[in-house]
Amino acid sequence: MTKKILSSVLAYAGFAMLLACWLSPSALLAGSVCFLLSASLKFPIREDEGWTCSCGYDLSFVNPSSSKCPECGVNIELEWSSQLGELPRATAKRLHAATIQFIISFVLLGVYFATWLYN
């Protein structure tokens, strides 16, 4: 859970640095690093993430009629996939967000190096 919060904080810091880049070109570098760290905190990705609770409890042992985690009591939503090897929705969203953050990071890094070479 702390990785998720830290990743969000770093993404917001990256956006703040992106807005502040007109003050200094080094803000582009700082924003790029923030986005890169935020994206790297979204890994590793496991195939069975749809079967674990946010507290870390393995939900494959839960009674199918139960709608609460026996460990922490939060409402659970098990994800069933039609194909073997298909990632859960939350994992796919996280993978797409990480890919977008990597792209933003490399674009900002390229713009920083272009301004550095130009000046």
C-alpha atoms as a PDB file:
ATOM      1  CA  MET A   1       0.000   0.000   0.000  1.00  0.00           C
ATOM      2  CA  THR A   2       2.878   2.379   0.710  1.00  0.00           C
ATOM      3  CA  LYS A   3       4.250   1.767  -2.806  1.00  0.00           C
ATOM      4  CA  LYS A   4       0.893   2.845  -4.234  1.00  0.00           C
ATOM      5  CA  ILE A   5       0.836   6.044  -2.166  1.00  0.00           C
ATOM      6  CA  LEU A   6       4.482   6.843  -2.936  1.00  0.00           C
ATOM      7  CA  SER A   7       3.876   6.223  -6.639  1.00  0.00           C
ATOM      8  CA  SER A   8       0.934   8.650  -6.604  1.00  0.00           C
ATOM      9  CA  VAL A   9       2.944  11.285  -4.746  1.00  0.00           C
ATOM     10  CA  LEU A  10       5.793  10.980  -7.247  1.00  0.00           C
ATOM     11  CA  ALA A  11       3.370  11.246 -10.182  1.00  0.00           C
ATOM     12  CA  TYR A  12       1.873  14.439  -8.715  1.00  0.00           C
ATOM     13  CA  ALA A  13       5.390  15.773  -8.117  1.00  0.00           C
ATOM     14  CA  GLY A  14       6.228  14.996 -11.744  1.00  0.00           C
ATOM     15  CA  PHE A  15       3.195  16.961 -12.923  1.00  0.00           C
ATOM     16  CA  ALA A  16       4.156  19.838 -10.627  1.00  0.00           C
ATOM     17  CA  MET A  17       7.678  19.837 -12.072  1.00  0.00           C
ATOM     18  CA  LEU A  18       6.197  19.751 -15.560  1.00  0.00           C
ATOM     19  CA  LEU A  19       4.198  22.880 -14.750  1.00  0.00           C
ATOM     20  CA  ALA A  20       7.291  24.539 -13.236  1.00  0.00           C
ATOM     21  CA  CYS A  21       9.581  23.748 -16.188  1.00  0.00           C
ATOM     22  CA  TRP A  22       9.265  27.308 -17.534  1.00  0.00           C
ATOM     23  CA  LEU A  23      11.194  28.479 -14.464  1.00  0.00           C
ATOM     24  CA  SER A  24      14.168  26.230 -14.990  1.00  0.00           C
ATOM     25  CA  PRO A  25      15.139  23.485 -17.452  1.00  0.00           C
ATOM     26  CA  SER A  26      16.327  21.381 -14.535  1.00  0.00           C
ATOM     27  CA  ALA A  27      12.657  21.020 -13.549  1.00  0.00           C
ATOM     28  CA  LEU A  28      12.294  18.875 -16.682  1.00  0.00           C
ATOM     29  CA  LEU A  29      14.987  16.557 -15.366  1.00  0.00           C
ATOM     30  CA  ALA A  30      13.377  16.425 -11.916  1.00  0.00           C
ATOM     31  CA  GLY A  31       9.953  15.751 -13.445  1.00  0.00           C
ATOM     32  CA  SER A  32      11.408  13.016 -15.615  1.00  0.00           C
ATOM     33  CA  VAL A  33      13.010  11.349 -12.601  1.00  0.00           C
ATOM     34  CA  CYS A  34       9.741  11.606 -10.631  1.00  0.00           C
ATOM     35  CA  PHE A  35       7.768   9.951 -13.448  1.00  0.00           C
ATOM     36  CA  LEU A  36      10.435   7.266 -13.867  1.00  0.00           C
ATOM     37  CA  LEU A  37      10.413   6.421 -10.152  1.00  0.00           C
ATOM     38  CA  SER A  38       6.612   6.457 -10.066  1.00  0.00           C
ATOM     39  CA  ALA A  39       6.419   4.041 -12.994  1.00  0.00           C
ATOM     40  CA  SER A  40       9.052   1.722 -11.559  1.00  0.00           C
ATOM     41  CA  LEU A  41       7.132   1.447  -8.277  1.00  0.00           C
ATOM     42  CA  LYS A  42       4.214  -0.123 -10.158  1.00  0.00           C
ATOM     43  CA  PHE A  43       6.219  -3.314 -10.740  1.00  0.00           C
ATOM     44  CA  PRO A  44       6.443  -6.336 -10.294  1.00  0.00           C
ATOM     45  CA  ILE A  45       3.209  -7.519 -11.890  1.00  0.00           C
ATOM     46  CA  ARG A  46       1.869 -10.945 -10.966  1.00  0.00           C
ATOM     47  CA  GLU A  47      -0.752 -12.904 -12.861  1.00  0.00           C
ATOM     48  CA  ASP A  48      -2.709 -13.792  -9.710  1.00  0.00           C
ATOM     49  CA  GLU A  49      -3.132 -10.251  -8.361  1.00  0.00           C
ATOM     50  CA  GLY A  50      -6.903 -10.457  -8.761  1.00  0.00           C
ATOM     51  CA  TRP A  51      -6.875 -13.144  -6.081  1.00  0.00           C
ATOM     52  CA  THR A  52      -5.106 -11.225  -3.323  1.00  0.00           C
ATOM     53  CA  CYS A  53      -6.609  -8.689  -0.951  1.00  0.00           C
ATOM     54  CA  SER A  54      -5.030  -5.291  -0.361  1.00  0.00           C
ATOM     55  CA  CYS A  55      -3.885  -6.603   3.036  1.00  0.00           C
ATOM     56  CA  GLY A  56      -1.971  -9.414   1.287  1.00  0.00           C
ATOM     57  CA  TYR A  57      -4.312 -12.307   2.126  1.00  0.00           C
ATOM     58  CA  ASP A  58      -4.564 -15.024  -0.553  1.00  0.00           C
ATOM     59  CA  LEU A  59      -8.235 -15.048  -1.559  1.00  0.00           C
ATOM     60  CA  SER A  60      -8.074 -18.412  -3.329  1.00  0.00           C
ATOM     61  CA  PHE A  61      -8.876 -20.066   0.021  1.00  0.00           C
ATOM     62  CA  VAL A  62     -11.973 -17.939   0.726  1.00  0.00           C
ATOM     63  CA  ASN A  63     -15.466 -19.415   0.705  1.00  0.00           C
ATOM     64  CA  PRO A  64     -16.968 -18.400  -2.695  1.00  0.00           C
ATOM     65  CA  SER A  65     -20.183 -17.188  -1.048  1.00  0.00           C
ATOM     66  CA  SER A  66     -18.256 -14.803   1.221  1.00  0.00           C
ATOM     67  CA  SER A  67     -17.919 -11.195   0.120  1.00  0.00           C
ATOM     68  CA  LYS A  68     -15.480 -10.063   2.819  1.00  0.00           C
ATOM     69  CA  CYS A  69     -11.801 -10.745   3.398  1.00  0.00           C
ATOM     70  CA  PRO A  70     -11.366 -12.943   6.490  1.00  0.00           C
ATOM     71  CA  GLU A  71      -8.167 -11.085   7.414  1.00  0.00           C
ATOM     72  CA  CYS A  72      -9.188  -7.409   7.282  1.00  0.00           C
ATOM     73  CA  GLY A  73     -12.961  -7.498   6.624  1.00  0.00           C
ATOM     74  CA  VAL A  74     -12.923  -5.334   3.485  1.00  0.00           C
ATOM     75  CA  ASN A  75     -15.369  -6.130   0.659  1.00  0.00           C
ATOM     76  CA  ILE A  76     -13.688  -8.242  -2.010  1.00  0.00           C
ATOM     77  CA  GLU A  77     -14.326  -8.604  -5.713  1.00  0.00           C
ATOM     78  CA  LEU A  78     -12.831 -11.692  -7.299  1.00  0.00           C
ATOM     79  CA  GLU A  79     -11.975 -11.383 -10.977  1.00  0.00           C
ATOM     80  CA  TRP A  80     -12.708 -14.297 -13.235  1.00  0.00           C
ATOM     81  CA  SER A  81     -11.076 -14.320 -16.641  1.00  0.00           C
ATOM     82  CA  SER A  82     -12.283 -16.154 -19.716  1.00  0.00           C
ATOM     83  CA  GLN A  83      -8.769 -16.919 -20.936  1.00  0.00           C
ATOM     84  CA  LEU A  84      -5.755 -18.336 -19.182  1.00  0.00           C
ATOM     85  CA  GLY A  85      -3.009 -15.762 -18.754  1.00  0.00           C
ATOM     86  CA  GLU A  86      -5.309 -12.742 -18.944  1.00  0.00           C
ATOM     87  CA  LEU A  87      -4.401 -10.044 -16.425  1.00  0.00           C
ATOM     88  CA  PRO A  88      -6.963  -8.681 -13.946  1.00  0.00           C
ATOM     89  CA  ARG A  89      -8.435  -5.252 -14.708  1.00  0.00           C
ATOM     90  CA  ALA A  90      -6.587  -3.470 -11.895  1.00  0.00           C
ATOM     91  CA  THR A  91      -3.289  -4.987 -13.010  1.00  0.00           C
ATOM     92  CA  ALA A  92      -3.910  -4.057 -16.650  1.00  0.00           C
ATOM     93  CA  LYS A  93      -4.738  -0.470 -15.635  1.00  0.00           C
ATOM     94  CA  ARG A  94      -1.548  -0.296 -13.570  1.00  0.00           C
ATOM     95  CA  LEU A  95       0.494  -1.667 -16.470  1.00  0.00           C
ATOM     96  CA  HIS A  96      -0.987   0.908 -18.859  1.00  0.00           C
ATOM     97  CA  ALA A  97      -0.357   3.730 -16.372  1.00  0.00           C
ATOM     98  CA  ALA A  98       3.251   2.599 -15.910  1.00  0.00           C
ATOM     99  CA  THR A  99       3.776   2.488 -19.678  1.00  0.00           C
ATOM    100  CA  ILE A 100       2.379   6.006 -20.089  1.00  0.00           C
ATOM    101  CA  GLN A 101       4.573   7.261 -17.238  1.00  0.00           C
ATOM    102  CA  PHE A 102       7.665   5.683 -18.815  1.00  0.00           C
ATOM    103  CA  ILE A 103       6.849   7.385 -22.127  1.00  0.00           C
ATOM    104  CA  ILE A 104       6.307  10.765 -20.423  1.00  0.00           C
ATOM    105  CA  SER A 105       9.562  10.312 -18.518  1.00  0.00           C
ATOM    106  CA  PHE A 106      11.595   9.589 -21.644  1.00  0.00           C
ATOM    107  CA  VAL A 107       9.981  12.454 -23.578  1.00  0.00           C
ATOM    108  CA  LEU A 108      10.801  14.880 -20.750  1.00  0.00           C
ATOM    109  CA  LEU A 109      14.338  13.528 -20.587  1.00  0.00           C
ATOM    110  CA  GLY A 110      14.705  14.018 -24.352  1.00  0.00           C
ATOM    111  CA  VAL A 111      13.416  17.588 -24.127  1.00  0.00           C
ATOM    112  CA  TYR A 112      15.834  18.273 -21.258  1.00  0.00           C
ATOM    113  CA  PHE A 113      18.817  16.974 -23.236  1.00  0.00           C
ATOM    114  CA  ALA A 114      17.698  18.911 -26.324  1.00  0.00           C
ATOM    115  CA  THR A 115      17.577  22.167 -24.329  1.00  0.00           C
ATOM    116  CA  TRP A 116      20.891  21.291 -22.686  1.00  0.00           C
ATOM    117  CA  LEU A 117      22.568  20.729 -26.067  1.00  0.00           C
ATOM    118  CA  TYR A 118      20.954  23.826 -27.565  1.00  0.00           C
ATOM    119  CA  ASN A 119      22.194  26.101 -24.770  1.00  0.00           C
END
